[in-house]
N, C-alpha and C. Protein backbone atom coordinates (compact mmCIF):
# COMPACT_ATOMS: atom_id res chain seq x y z
N MET A 1 -11.26 5.16 2.16
CA MET A 1 -9.80 5.26 2.50
C MET A 1 -9.41 6.31 1.51
N ASN A 2 -8.82 7.19 1.93
CA ASN A 2 -8.17 8.27 1.26
C ASN A 2 -6.64 8.30 1.90
N ASN A 3 -6.79 8.05 1.21
CA ASN A 3 -5.96 8.01 2.01
C ASN A 3 -5.54 9.44 1.43
N PRO A 4 9.04 3.61 -0.07
CA PRO A 4 8.96 3.44 -1.38
C PRO A 4 9.84 2.11 -1.02
N ALA A 5 11.33 0.03 -1.82
CA ALA A 5 11.70 -0.96 -0.85
C ALA A 5 12.13 -2.18 -1.46
N ASP A 6 13.23 -2.35 -1.66
CA ASP A 6 13.60 -3.71 -2.28
C ASP A 6 13.78 -4.76 -1.39
N PRO A 7 13.00 -5.66 -1.18
CA PRO A 7 13.48 -6.56 -0.07
C PRO A 7 14.52 -7.41 -0.08
N ALA A 8 15.11 -7.31 -1.32
CA ALA A 8 16.39 -8.12 -1.78
C ALA A 8 17.69 -7.33 -0.90
N ASP A 9 17.38 -5.92 -0.48
CA ASP A 9 18.49 -5.24 0.04
C ASP A 9 17.81 -4.63 1.35
N PRO A 10 17.54 -5.13 2.26
CA PRO A 10 16.84 -4.55 3.31
C PRO A 10 17.79 -3.28 4.10
N ALA A 11 19.14 -3.31 3.77
CA ALA A 11 20.11 -2.32 4.31
C ALA A 11 20.21 -1.17 3.51
N ASP A 12 19.50 -0.99 2.30
CA ASP A 12 19.47 0.27 1.42
C ASP A 12 19.23 1.43 2.27
N PRO A 13 20.05 2.28 2.34
CA PRO A 13 19.84 3.50 3.09
C PRO A 13 18.82 4.49 2.65
N ALA A 14 18.41 4.25 1.45
CA ALA A 14 17.53 5.13 0.71
C ALA A 14 16.14 4.52 1.03
N ASP A 15 15.98 3.26 1.65
CA ASP A 15 14.70 2.66 1.68
C ASP A 15 14.13 3.23 2.95
N PRO A 16 13.04 3.85 2.99
CA PRO A 16 12.48 4.45 4.24
C PRO A 16 11.71 3.38 5.01
N THR A 17 11.63 2.09 4.46
CA THR A 17 11.07 0.95 5.37
C THR A 17 12.15 0.14 6.00
N ASP A 18 13.55 0.66 6.07
CA ASP A 18 14.54 -0.15 6.67
C ASP A 18 14.26 -0.21 7.99
N SER A 19 14.33 -1.61 8.41
CA SER A 19 13.96 -2.08 9.67
C SER A 19 15.17 -1.77 10.93
N ALA A 20 16.26 -1.41 10.19
CA ALA A 20 17.48 -0.96 10.95
C ALA A 20 17.26 0.48 11.55
N ASP A 21 16.41 1.14 11.12
CA ASP A 21 16.10 2.63 11.68
C ASP A 21 16.25 2.41 13.25
N PRO A 22 16.71 3.64 13.77
CA PRO A 22 17.10 3.52 15.26
C PRO A 22 15.70 3.46 16.06
N THR A 23 14.70 4.02 15.40
CA THR A 23 13.27 4.05 16.13
C THR A 23 12.79 2.62 16.12
N GLY A 24 13.12 1.83 14.86
CA GLY A 24 12.43 0.56 14.82
C GLY A 24 11.07 0.69 14.35
N PRO A 25 10.73 -0.30 13.59
CA PRO A 25 9.25 -0.45 13.28
C PRO A 25 8.42 -0.86 14.44
N LEU A 26 7.15 -0.68 14.38
CA LEU A 26 6.22 -1.25 15.51
C LEU A 26 6.05 -2.80 15.09
N ASP A 27 5.43 -3.56 15.87
CA ASP A 27 5.16 -4.89 15.61
C ASP A 27 4.48 -4.97 14.42
N PRO A 28 4.31 -6.14 13.44
CA PRO A 28 3.40 -6.16 12.38
C PRO A 28 2.21 -6.27 12.90
N ILE A 29 1.20 -5.66 12.46
CA ILE A 29 -0.26 -5.78 12.76
C ILE A 29 -0.71 -6.57 11.62
N GLY A 30 -1.67 -7.66 11.77
CA GLY A 30 -2.23 -8.56 10.90
C GLY A 30 -3.30 -9.40 11.52
N PRO A 31 -3.99 -10.20 10.84
CA PRO A 31 -4.91 -11.20 11.39
C PRO A 31 -4.20 -12.22 11.97
N ALA A 32 -4.57 -12.95 13.06
CA ALA A 32 -4.08 -13.95 13.58
C ALA A 32 -3.96 -15.24 12.72
N SER A 33 -5.03 -15.34 11.64
CA SER A 33 -4.93 -16.61 10.99
C SER A 33 -3.84 -16.75 10.16
N PRO A 34 -3.01 -17.84 10.13
CA PRO A 34 -1.94 -18.03 9.06
C PRO A 34 -2.29 -18.08 7.76
N ALA A 35 -3.61 -18.11 7.63
CA ALA A 35 -3.99 -18.17 6.13
C ALA A 35 -3.90 -16.94 5.49
N GLN A 36 -4.03 -15.90 6.46
CA GLN A 36 -3.96 -14.46 5.92
C GLN A 36 -2.42 -13.91 6.00
N VAL A 37 -1.90 -13.80 4.81
CA VAL A 37 -0.42 -13.51 4.87
C VAL A 37 -0.01 -12.22 4.65
N THR A 38 -1.07 -11.28 4.59
CA THR A 38 -0.80 -9.90 4.64
C THR A 38 -0.59 -9.30 6.07
N GLU A 39 0.40 -8.55 6.23
CA GLU A 39 0.66 -7.88 7.53
C GLU A 39 1.02 -6.35 7.00
N VAL A 40 0.99 -5.56 8.06
CA VAL A 40 1.43 -4.20 7.94
C VAL A 40 2.42 -3.81 8.97
N THR A 41 3.57 -3.26 8.81
CA THR A 41 4.26 -2.71 9.75
C THR A 41 4.51 -1.24 9.70
N LEU A 42 4.65 -0.55 10.56
CA LEU A 42 4.80 1.11 10.70
C LEU A 42 6.17 1.59 11.13
N ASN A 43 6.57 2.27 10.16
CA ASN A 43 8.04 2.78 10.21
C ASN A 43 7.78 4.18 10.56
N THR A 44 8.54 4.71 11.74
CA THR A 44 8.34 6.25 11.98
C THR A 44 9.70 6.95 11.96
N GLY A 45 10.70 6.35 11.25
CA GLY A 45 12.07 6.99 11.37
C GLY A 45 12.26 8.05 10.27
N GLY A 46 11.38 8.15 9.28
CA GLY A 46 11.54 9.30 8.37
C GLY A 46 10.58 10.41 8.59
N ALA A 47 10.56 11.30 7.54
CA ALA A 47 9.87 12.74 7.75
C ALA A 47 8.24 12.53 8.08
N ARG A 48 7.82 11.28 7.55
CA ARG A 48 6.29 11.04 7.58
C ARG A 48 6.35 9.17 7.98
N PRO A 49 5.31 8.85 8.46
CA PRO A 49 5.24 7.57 8.79
C PRO A 49 5.10 6.80 7.39
N VAL A 50 5.72 5.47 7.38
CA VAL A 50 5.50 4.66 6.13
C VAL A 50 4.84 3.29 6.62
N LEU A 51 3.76 2.93 6.00
CA LEU A 51 2.94 1.62 6.21
C LEU A 51 3.90 0.57 5.07
N ARG A 52 4.05 -0.52 5.74
CA ARG A 52 4.84 -1.58 4.60
C ARG A 52 3.89 -2.70 4.76
N PHE A 53 3.71 -3.59 3.61
CA PHE A 53 2.89 -4.54 3.55
C PHE A 53 3.75 -5.42 2.51
N GLU A 54 3.70 -6.73 2.84
CA GLU A 54 4.34 -7.80 2.08
C GLU A 54 3.53 -8.78 1.94
N ARG A 55 3.41 -9.37 0.42
CA ARG A 55 2.56 -10.49 0.21
C ARG A 55 3.27 -11.35 -1.08
N VAL A 56 3.04 -12.57 -1.04
CA VAL A 56 3.41 -13.49 -2.03
C VAL A 56 2.20 -13.75 -2.94
N LEU A 57 2.22 -13.43 -4.12
CA LEU A 57 1.07 -13.49 -5.06
C LEU A 57 1.21 -14.55 -5.95
N ALA A 58 0.26 -15.34 -6.52
CA ALA A 58 0.25 -16.48 -7.21
C ALA A 58 0.72 -16.34 -8.56
N GLN A 59 0.87 -14.96 -9.26
CA GLN A 59 0.96 -14.60 -10.44
C GLN A 59 2.42 -14.43 -10.62
N PRO A 60 2.99 -14.32 -11.78
CA PRO A 60 4.40 -13.88 -12.17
C PRO A 60 4.58 -12.36 -11.99
N PRO A 61 5.75 -11.68 -12.02
CA PRO A 61 5.78 -10.13 -12.14
C PRO A 61 5.05 -9.56 -13.02
N GLU A 62 5.28 -10.07 -14.30
CA GLU A 62 4.52 -9.55 -15.38
C GLU A 62 3.03 -9.32 -15.26
N ALA A 63 2.55 -10.32 -14.70
CA ALA A 63 1.06 -10.21 -14.43
C ALA A 63 0.61 -9.45 -13.41
N VAL A 64 1.42 -9.46 -12.29
CA VAL A 64 1.26 -8.49 -11.22
C VAL A 64 1.41 -6.89 -11.78
N TRP A 65 2.40 -6.70 -12.56
CA TRP A 65 2.67 -5.33 -13.01
C TRP A 65 1.35 -4.86 -13.88
N ARG A 66 0.80 -5.96 -14.71
CA ARG A 66 -0.36 -5.42 -15.31
C ARG A 66 -1.42 -5.06 -14.54
N ALA A 67 -1.64 -5.87 -13.39
CA ALA A 67 -2.60 -5.51 -12.10
C ALA A 67 -2.73 -4.07 -11.59
N ILE A 68 -1.22 -3.89 -11.57
CA ILE A 68 -1.08 -2.40 -10.95
C ILE A 68 -1.01 -1.24 -11.91
N THR A 69 -0.90 -1.56 -13.09
CA THR A 69 -0.91 -0.36 -14.10
C THR A 69 -2.05 -0.42 -15.09
N ASP A 70 -2.76 -1.47 -15.31
CA ASP A 70 -3.56 -1.52 -16.38
C ASP A 70 -5.00 -0.79 -15.80
N ARG A 71 -5.53 0.07 -16.45
CA ARG A 71 -6.81 0.83 -15.77
C ARG A 71 -7.90 -0.25 -15.45
N GLU A 72 -8.08 -1.24 -16.42
CA GLU A 72 -9.20 -1.95 -16.06
C GLU A 72 -8.88 -2.94 -14.99
N GLU A 73 -7.85 -3.63 -14.99
CA GLU A 73 -7.46 -4.32 -13.83
C GLU A 73 -7.27 -3.69 -12.57
N LEU A 74 -7.04 -2.25 -12.60
CA LEU A 74 -6.86 -1.68 -11.37
C LEU A 74 -8.35 -1.64 -10.52
N LYS A 75 -9.45 -1.49 -11.49
CA LYS A 75 -10.65 -1.60 -11.00
C LYS A 75 -11.05 -2.67 -10.05
N ALA A 76 -10.43 -3.78 -10.12
CA ALA A 76 -10.73 -4.80 -9.32
C ALA A 76 -10.29 -4.61 -7.97
N TRP A 77 -9.46 -3.90 -7.51
CA TRP A 77 -8.84 -3.64 -6.25
C TRP A 77 -8.41 -2.37 -5.64
N PHE A 78 -8.04 -1.43 -6.49
CA PHE A 78 -7.68 -0.19 -6.00
C PHE A 78 -8.92 0.66 -5.77
N PRO A 79 -8.58 1.54 -4.65
CA PRO A 79 -9.78 2.22 -4.00
C PRO A 79 -10.31 3.34 -4.91
N SER A 80 -9.65 3.83 -6.02
CA SER A 80 -10.29 4.80 -7.03
C SER A 80 -9.92 4.32 -8.38
N GLU A 81 -10.30 5.23 -9.44
CA GLU A 81 -10.11 5.00 -10.79
C GLU A 81 -8.39 5.35 -10.73
N VAL A 82 -7.83 5.00 -11.80
CA VAL A 82 -6.47 5.39 -11.98
C VAL A 82 -6.12 5.72 -13.58
N ILE A 83 -6.03 6.85 -13.68
CA ILE A 83 -6.00 7.23 -15.24
C ILE A 83 -4.44 8.13 -15.39
N ALA A 84 -3.51 7.39 -15.96
CA ALA A 84 -2.07 7.75 -16.11
C ALA A 84 -1.87 8.10 -17.42
N ASP A 85 -1.29 9.12 -17.74
CA ASP A 85 -0.79 9.85 -18.97
C ASP A 85 0.19 8.64 -19.61
N ALA A 86 1.01 8.05 -18.70
CA ALA A 86 2.07 6.97 -19.15
C ALA A 86 2.60 6.60 -17.85
N TRP A 87 3.16 5.52 -17.88
CA TRP A 87 3.82 4.79 -16.84
C TRP A 87 5.48 5.29 -17.01
N GLU A 88 5.68 6.49 -16.75
CA GLU A 88 7.01 6.79 -16.78
C GLU A 88 7.28 7.92 -15.95
N PRO A 89 8.50 8.17 -15.36
CA PRO A 89 8.67 9.35 -14.63
C PRO A 89 8.28 10.65 -15.00
N GLY A 90 7.58 11.40 -14.03
CA GLY A 90 6.93 12.77 -14.63
C GLY A 90 5.62 12.72 -15.11
N ALA A 91 5.20 11.43 -15.44
CA ALA A 91 3.67 11.63 -16.03
C ALA A 91 2.74 11.91 -15.06
N ARG A 92 1.63 12.41 -15.34
CA ARG A 92 0.71 12.85 -14.52
C ARG A 92 -0.57 11.59 -14.42
N ILE A 93 -1.07 11.66 -13.23
CA ILE A 93 -2.08 10.67 -12.97
C ILE A 93 -3.22 11.24 -12.25
N SER A 94 -4.50 10.83 -12.66
CA SER A 94 -5.57 11.30 -11.69
C SER A 94 -6.26 10.18 -11.22
N PHE A 95 -7.07 10.59 -10.11
CA PHE A 95 -7.62 9.46 -9.34
C PHE A 95 -9.13 9.70 -8.99
N PRO A 96 -9.99 9.72 -9.83
CA PRO A 96 -11.29 9.97 -9.58
C PRO A 96 -11.87 8.87 -8.78
N PHE A 97 -12.83 9.18 -7.74
CA PHE A 97 -13.44 8.33 -6.87
C PHE A 97 -14.89 8.16 -7.30
N PRO A 98 -15.18 6.96 -7.87
CA PRO A 98 -16.41 6.76 -8.59
C PRO A 98 -17.57 6.96 -7.44
N GLY A 99 -18.73 7.85 -8.09
CA GLY A 99 -19.97 8.14 -7.15
C GLY A 99 -19.69 9.24 -6.29
N THR A 100 -18.61 9.95 -6.45
CA THR A 100 -18.20 11.19 -5.66
C THR A 100 -17.72 12.39 -6.67
N ASP A 101 -17.49 13.50 -5.96
CA ASP A 101 -17.00 14.52 -6.92
C ASP A 101 -15.36 14.74 -6.57
N MET A 102 -14.84 13.82 -5.87
CA MET A 102 -13.42 13.78 -5.46
C MET A 102 -12.46 13.30 -6.33
N THR A 103 -11.54 13.93 -6.76
CA THR A 103 -10.52 13.46 -7.65
C THR A 103 -9.26 13.82 -7.12
N LEU A 104 -8.16 12.95 -6.75
CA LEU A 104 -6.79 13.28 -6.31
C LEU A 104 -6.02 13.05 -7.53
N THR A 105 -4.85 13.94 -7.62
CA THR A 105 -3.99 13.90 -8.70
C THR A 105 -2.51 13.68 -8.04
N GLY A 106 -1.67 13.15 -9.01
CA GLY A 106 -0.42 12.56 -8.77
C GLY A 106 0.50 12.40 -9.80
N SER A 107 1.82 11.93 -9.60
CA SER A 107 2.78 11.84 -10.96
C SER A 107 3.45 10.64 -10.54
N VAL A 108 4.17 10.09 -11.66
CA VAL A 108 4.88 8.83 -11.49
C VAL A 108 6.33 9.21 -11.01
N LEU A 109 6.82 8.59 -10.10
CA LEU A 109 8.10 8.90 -9.43
C LEU A 109 9.27 7.81 -10.14
N GLU A 110 8.75 6.55 -10.34
CA GLU A 110 9.77 5.49 -10.71
C GLU A 110 8.82 4.66 -11.63
N ALA A 111 9.51 4.04 -12.54
CA ALA A 111 8.57 2.91 -13.29
C ALA A 111 9.58 2.08 -13.88
N GLU A 112 9.71 0.87 -13.40
CA GLU A 112 10.94 -0.02 -13.84
C GLU A 112 10.14 -1.29 -14.23
N GLU A 113 9.54 -1.42 -15.41
CA GLU A 113 8.56 -2.56 -15.74
C GLU A 113 9.54 -4.05 -15.70
N PRO A 114 9.29 -4.88 -15.04
CA PRO A 114 8.00 -5.17 -14.06
C PRO A 114 8.57 -5.26 -12.67
N ARG A 115 9.49 -4.39 -12.28
CA ARG A 115 10.00 -4.47 -11.00
C ARG A 115 9.59 -3.46 -9.81
N VAL A 116 9.67 -2.17 -10.32
CA VAL A 116 9.27 -1.02 -9.34
C VAL A 116 8.42 0.04 -9.96
N LEU A 117 7.35 0.44 -9.11
CA LEU A 117 6.54 1.50 -9.61
C LEU A 117 6.39 2.20 -8.30
N ALA A 118 6.40 3.62 -8.42
CA ALA A 118 6.24 4.53 -7.39
C ALA A 118 5.37 5.76 -7.92
N TYR A 119 4.49 6.30 -7.24
CA TYR A 119 3.80 7.60 -7.67
C TYR A 119 3.24 8.24 -6.42
N THR A 120 3.02 9.27 -6.55
CA THR A 120 2.26 10.09 -5.61
C THR A 120 0.67 10.03 -5.80
N TRP A 121 -0.09 9.93 -4.79
CA TRP A 121 -1.46 9.70 -4.60
C TRP A 121 -2.05 10.81 -3.63
N GLY A 122 -2.31 11.91 -4.18
CA GLY A 122 -2.65 13.09 -3.41
C GLY A 122 -1.33 13.48 -2.43
N GLU A 123 -1.54 13.35 -1.21
CA GLU A 123 -0.59 13.71 -0.15
C GLU A 123 0.40 12.62 0.04
N GLU A 124 -0.02 11.38 -0.48
CA GLU A 124 0.68 10.19 -0.10
C GLU A 124 1.82 9.62 -1.33
N THR A 125 2.78 8.89 -0.86
CA THR A 125 3.64 8.25 -1.87
C THR A 125 3.40 6.96 -1.83
N LEU A 126 2.91 6.26 -2.86
CA LEU A 126 2.81 4.65 -3.03
C LEU A 126 3.97 4.15 -3.81
N ARG A 127 4.48 2.92 -3.29
CA ARG A 127 5.58 2.23 -3.87
C ARG A 127 5.40 0.82 -4.07
N PHE A 128 5.55 0.11 -5.16
CA PHE A 128 5.40 -1.29 -5.24
C PHE A 128 6.69 -1.89 -5.74
N VAL A 129 7.28 -2.91 -5.13
CA VAL A 129 8.38 -3.56 -5.45
C VAL A 129 8.12 -5.17 -5.85
N LEU A 130 8.27 -5.54 -7.09
CA LEU A 130 8.03 -6.91 -7.28
C LEU A 130 9.34 -7.76 -7.57
N THR A 131 9.26 -8.68 -6.73
CA THR A 131 10.55 -9.85 -7.06
C THR A 131 9.93 -11.19 -7.29
N PRO A 132 10.63 -11.78 -8.37
CA PRO A 132 10.25 -13.14 -8.65
C PRO A 132 10.43 -14.17 -7.58
N GLU A 133 9.61 -14.96 -7.45
CA GLU A 133 9.65 -16.04 -6.47
C GLU A 133 9.49 -17.36 -7.17
N PRO A 134 9.91 -18.55 -6.48
CA PRO A 134 9.81 -19.76 -7.28
C PRO A 134 8.47 -20.12 -7.65
N ASP A 135 8.06 -21.20 -8.52
CA ASP A 135 6.84 -21.42 -9.01
C ASP A 135 6.03 -20.38 -9.62
N GLY A 136 6.82 -19.33 -10.22
CA GLY A 136 5.93 -18.37 -11.00
C GLY A 136 5.24 -17.26 -10.13
N ARG A 137 5.59 -17.19 -8.97
CA ARG A 137 4.89 -16.31 -8.05
C ARG A 137 5.66 -14.97 -7.94
N THR A 138 5.21 -13.91 -7.40
CA THR A 138 5.72 -12.72 -7.02
C THR A 138 5.58 -12.27 -5.60
N ARG A 139 6.67 -11.84 -5.11
CA ARG A 139 6.71 -11.20 -3.80
C ARG A 139 6.45 -9.76 -3.84
N LEU A 140 5.50 -9.12 -3.32
CA LEU A 140 5.05 -7.86 -3.54
C LEU A 140 5.40 -7.05 -2.25
N VAL A 141 6.19 -5.92 -2.28
CA VAL A 141 6.51 -5.15 -1.10
C VAL A 141 5.62 -3.82 -1.40
N PHE A 142 4.74 -3.35 -0.66
CA PHE A 142 4.12 -2.16 -1.02
C PHE A 142 4.25 -1.17 0.19
N THR A 143 4.32 -0.15 -0.12
CA THR A 143 4.56 0.75 1.08
C THR A 143 3.78 2.14 0.69
N ASP A 144 3.17 2.81 1.82
CA ASP A 144 2.50 3.86 1.73
C ASP A 144 3.16 5.02 2.55
N GLU A 145 3.69 5.96 2.07
CA GLU A 145 4.16 7.19 3.01
C GLU A 145 2.92 8.04 3.15
N THR A 146 2.27 8.23 4.34
CA THR A 146 1.14 8.71 4.64
C THR A 146 1.22 9.95 5.79
N PRO A 147 0.19 10.84 5.79
CA PRO A 147 0.02 11.65 6.98
C PRO A 147 -0.18 10.90 8.25
N PRO A 148 0.43 11.20 9.26
CA PRO A 148 0.31 10.48 10.53
C PRO A 148 -1.11 10.06 11.04
N GLY A 149 -2.14 11.22 10.92
CA GLY A 149 -3.35 10.95 11.42
C GLY A 149 -4.36 9.99 10.61
N ILE A 150 -3.98 9.52 9.43
CA ILE A 150 -4.76 8.45 8.73
C ILE A 150 -4.05 7.26 8.61
N ALA A 151 -2.92 7.24 9.47
CA ALA A 151 -2.29 5.88 9.11
C ALA A 151 -2.95 4.57 9.42
N ALA A 152 -3.72 4.61 10.65
CA ALA A 152 -4.50 3.39 10.73
C ALA A 152 -5.70 3.16 9.69
N ARG A 153 -6.28 4.01 9.23
CA ARG A 153 -7.56 3.91 8.30
C ARG A 153 -6.84 3.60 7.02
N ASN A 154 -5.67 3.88 6.47
CA ASN A 154 -5.08 3.65 5.53
C ASN A 154 -4.76 2.37 5.45
N ALA A 155 -3.94 1.87 6.57
CA ALA A 155 -3.53 0.54 6.75
C ALA A 155 -4.58 -0.54 6.60
N ALA A 156 -5.90 -0.35 7.28
CA ALA A 156 -6.84 -1.11 7.29
C ALA A 156 -7.31 -1.32 5.77
N GLY A 157 -7.45 0.03 5.12
CA GLY A 157 -7.92 -0.02 3.78
C GLY A 157 -7.12 -0.85 2.84
N TRP A 158 -5.78 -0.68 2.98
CA TRP A 158 -4.96 -1.30 2.09
C TRP A 158 -4.78 -2.73 2.54
N GLN A 159 -5.03 -3.33 3.74
CA GLN A 159 -5.30 -4.71 3.84
C GLN A 159 -6.49 -5.29 3.00
N ILE A 160 -7.64 -4.59 2.92
CA ILE A 160 -8.64 -5.09 2.17
C ILE A 160 -8.23 -5.04 0.56
N CYS A 161 -7.58 -3.92 0.17
CA CYS A 161 -7.20 -3.81 -1.24
C CYS A 161 -6.40 -4.86 -1.67
N LEU A 162 -5.41 -5.00 -0.95
CA LEU A 162 -4.29 -6.10 -1.31
C LEU A 162 -5.18 -7.45 -1.25
N THR A 163 -5.87 -7.79 -0.43
CA THR A 163 -6.67 -9.05 -0.42
C THR A 163 -7.50 -9.37 -1.79
N HIS A 164 -8.00 -8.02 -2.25
CA HIS A 164 -8.76 -8.19 -3.55
C HIS A 164 -7.72 -8.36 -4.64
N LEU A 165 -6.62 -7.71 -4.40
CA LEU A 165 -5.51 -7.87 -5.52
C LEU A 165 -5.12 -9.20 -5.64
N ALA A 166 -5.06 -10.03 -4.58
CA ALA A 166 -4.73 -11.37 -4.58
C ALA A 166 -5.87 -12.35 -5.08
N GLY A 167 -7.04 -11.67 -5.28
CA GLY A 167 -8.13 -12.51 -5.85
C GLY A 167 -8.90 -13.10 -4.73
N GLU A 168 -8.73 -12.59 -3.51
CA GLU A 168 -9.53 -13.33 -2.38
C GLU A 168 -10.64 -12.56 -1.84
N THR A 169 -11.61 -13.14 -1.16
CA THR A 169 -12.69 -12.56 -0.97
C THR A 169 -12.58 -11.98 0.56
N VAL A 170 -13.45 -11.04 0.95
CA VAL A 170 -13.23 -10.23 2.08
C VAL A 170 -14.44 -9.96 2.62
N ALA A 171 -14.55 -10.44 4.08
CA ALA A 171 -15.88 -10.24 4.94
C ALA A 171 -16.11 -8.72 4.79
N ALA A 172 -17.35 -8.49 4.90
CA ALA A 172 -17.93 -7.33 4.82
C ALA A 172 -17.65 -6.32 6.10
N ASP A 173 -17.43 -7.11 7.10
CA ASP A 173 -16.90 -6.30 8.41
C ASP A 173 -15.22 -6.36 8.50
N ALA A 174 -14.51 -6.78 7.68
CA ALA A 174 -13.25 -6.99 7.83
C ALA A 174 -12.53 -5.78 8.17
N TRP A 175 -12.90 -4.62 7.41
CA TRP A 175 -12.11 -3.28 7.68
C TRP A 175 -11.86 -2.82 8.96
N LYS A 176 -13.04 -3.00 9.95
CA LYS A 176 -13.38 -2.33 10.92
C LYS A 176 -12.25 -3.34 12.09
N GLY A 177 -12.16 -4.66 11.81
CA GLY A 177 -11.09 -5.34 12.70
C GLY A 177 -9.72 -4.71 12.40
N HIS A 178 -9.26 -4.74 11.12
CA HIS A 178 -8.09 -4.29 10.76
C HIS A 178 -7.95 -2.78 11.32
N PHE A 179 -8.83 -2.17 11.39
CA PHE A 179 -8.73 -0.67 11.74
C PHE A 179 -8.42 -0.56 13.40
N ASP A 180 -9.25 -1.35 13.96
CA ASP A 180 -9.28 -1.31 15.50
C ASP A 180 -7.73 -1.77 15.91
N ARG A 181 -7.27 -2.80 15.29
CA ARG A 181 -5.88 -3.33 15.68
C ARG A 181 -4.87 -2.22 15.27
N CYS A 182 -5.12 -1.57 14.18
CA CYS A 182 -3.96 -0.42 13.67
C CYS A 182 -4.03 0.66 14.62
N VAL A 183 -5.34 1.16 15.01
CA VAL A 183 -5.48 2.30 16.11
C VAL A 183 -4.76 1.97 17.32
N ALA A 184 -5.05 0.81 17.98
CA ALA A 184 -4.21 0.38 19.21
C ALA A 184 -2.88 0.29 18.95
N ALA A 185 -2.25 -0.07 17.91
CA ALA A 185 -0.77 -0.09 17.73
C ALA A 185 -0.27 1.21 17.25
N PHE A 186 -0.99 2.04 16.62
CA PHE A 186 -0.24 3.26 16.07
C PHE A 186 -0.41 4.32 17.00
N GLU A 187 -1.35 4.47 17.77
CA GLU A 187 -1.66 5.79 18.38
C GLU A 187 -0.78 6.16 19.37
N PRO A 188 0.06 5.22 19.94
CA PRO A 188 1.10 5.43 21.02
C PRO A 188 2.28 6.33 20.30
N ALA A 189 2.51 6.04 19.02
CA ALA A 189 3.49 6.68 18.15
C ALA A 189 3.19 7.93 17.55
N LEU A 190 1.81 7.70 16.94
CA LEU A 190 1.40 8.87 16.03
C LEU A 190 0.33 9.80 16.54
N GLY A 191 -0.21 9.39 17.74
CA GLY A 191 -1.36 10.21 18.03
C GLY A 191 -2.54 9.62 17.69
N ALA A 192 -3.71 10.71 18.06
CA ALA A 192 -4.97 10.11 17.45
C ALA A 192 -5.22 9.92 16.17
N GLN A 193 -5.96 8.72 15.94
CA GLN A 193 -6.22 8.36 14.36
C GLN A 193 -7.59 8.67 13.98
N GLN A 194 -7.63 9.14 12.76
CA GLN A 194 -8.99 9.35 12.08
C GLN A 194 -9.79 8.15 11.76
N GLY A 195 -11.04 8.19 11.90
CA GLY A 195 -11.79 6.84 11.25
C GLY A 195 -12.08 7.10 9.89
N PRO A 196 -12.97 6.59 9.29
CA PRO A 196 -13.33 6.46 7.83
C PRO A 196 -13.80 7.84 7.40
N PRO A 197 -13.74 8.34 6.09
CA PRO A 197 -14.11 9.45 5.72
C PRO A 197 -15.75 9.55 5.85
N ALA A 198 -16.33 10.55 6.09
CA ALA A 198 -17.87 10.86 6.30
C ALA A 198 -18.45 10.14 5.05
N GLY A 199 -19.64 9.35 5.42
CA GLY A 199 -20.33 8.62 4.31
C GLY A 199 -19.71 7.42 3.66
N SER A 200 -18.66 7.00 4.32
CA SER A 200 -18.05 5.72 3.86
C SER A 200 -18.51 4.47 4.63
């Protein structure tokens, strides 16, 4: 897979995931099992498509913040290495992919510990919004502003990554099921969807 949204204020006009957009998001795409709480919605109202995921995690925001910023903790779930100069706006980030000669670059756009983190990842913009929930949990809203042709593969890949972030196991063939559902839902709005990169 190579591939921003505060849930407390869904009417925020700066939020590209706003479901009030006149084009409206597509229906959520996710597994049928109620045990799987991750879903993805596609918003096509901005300059580029935005994938939106929401999940309630068992850890408090401070712990989730570490999971999305600590280089060692990121290795457990993020699809590449993440090497940041600092987690502050303007800081540079590199994203080497282990076992390949590919490295993406990016920069930090927002960093409000432990609430909001946004940065560019190659051509994409990733944004994490953490909101405290009862019993020490965290509601995570994650968005990926992505080129249209890779939206389905990104959506499938992030489904797997977010499951790892939650500390859950994933079936070896889970990616394919997510991808097939996303292709069926996204192609009417976005056109043909690319599969996984060669060799993956």
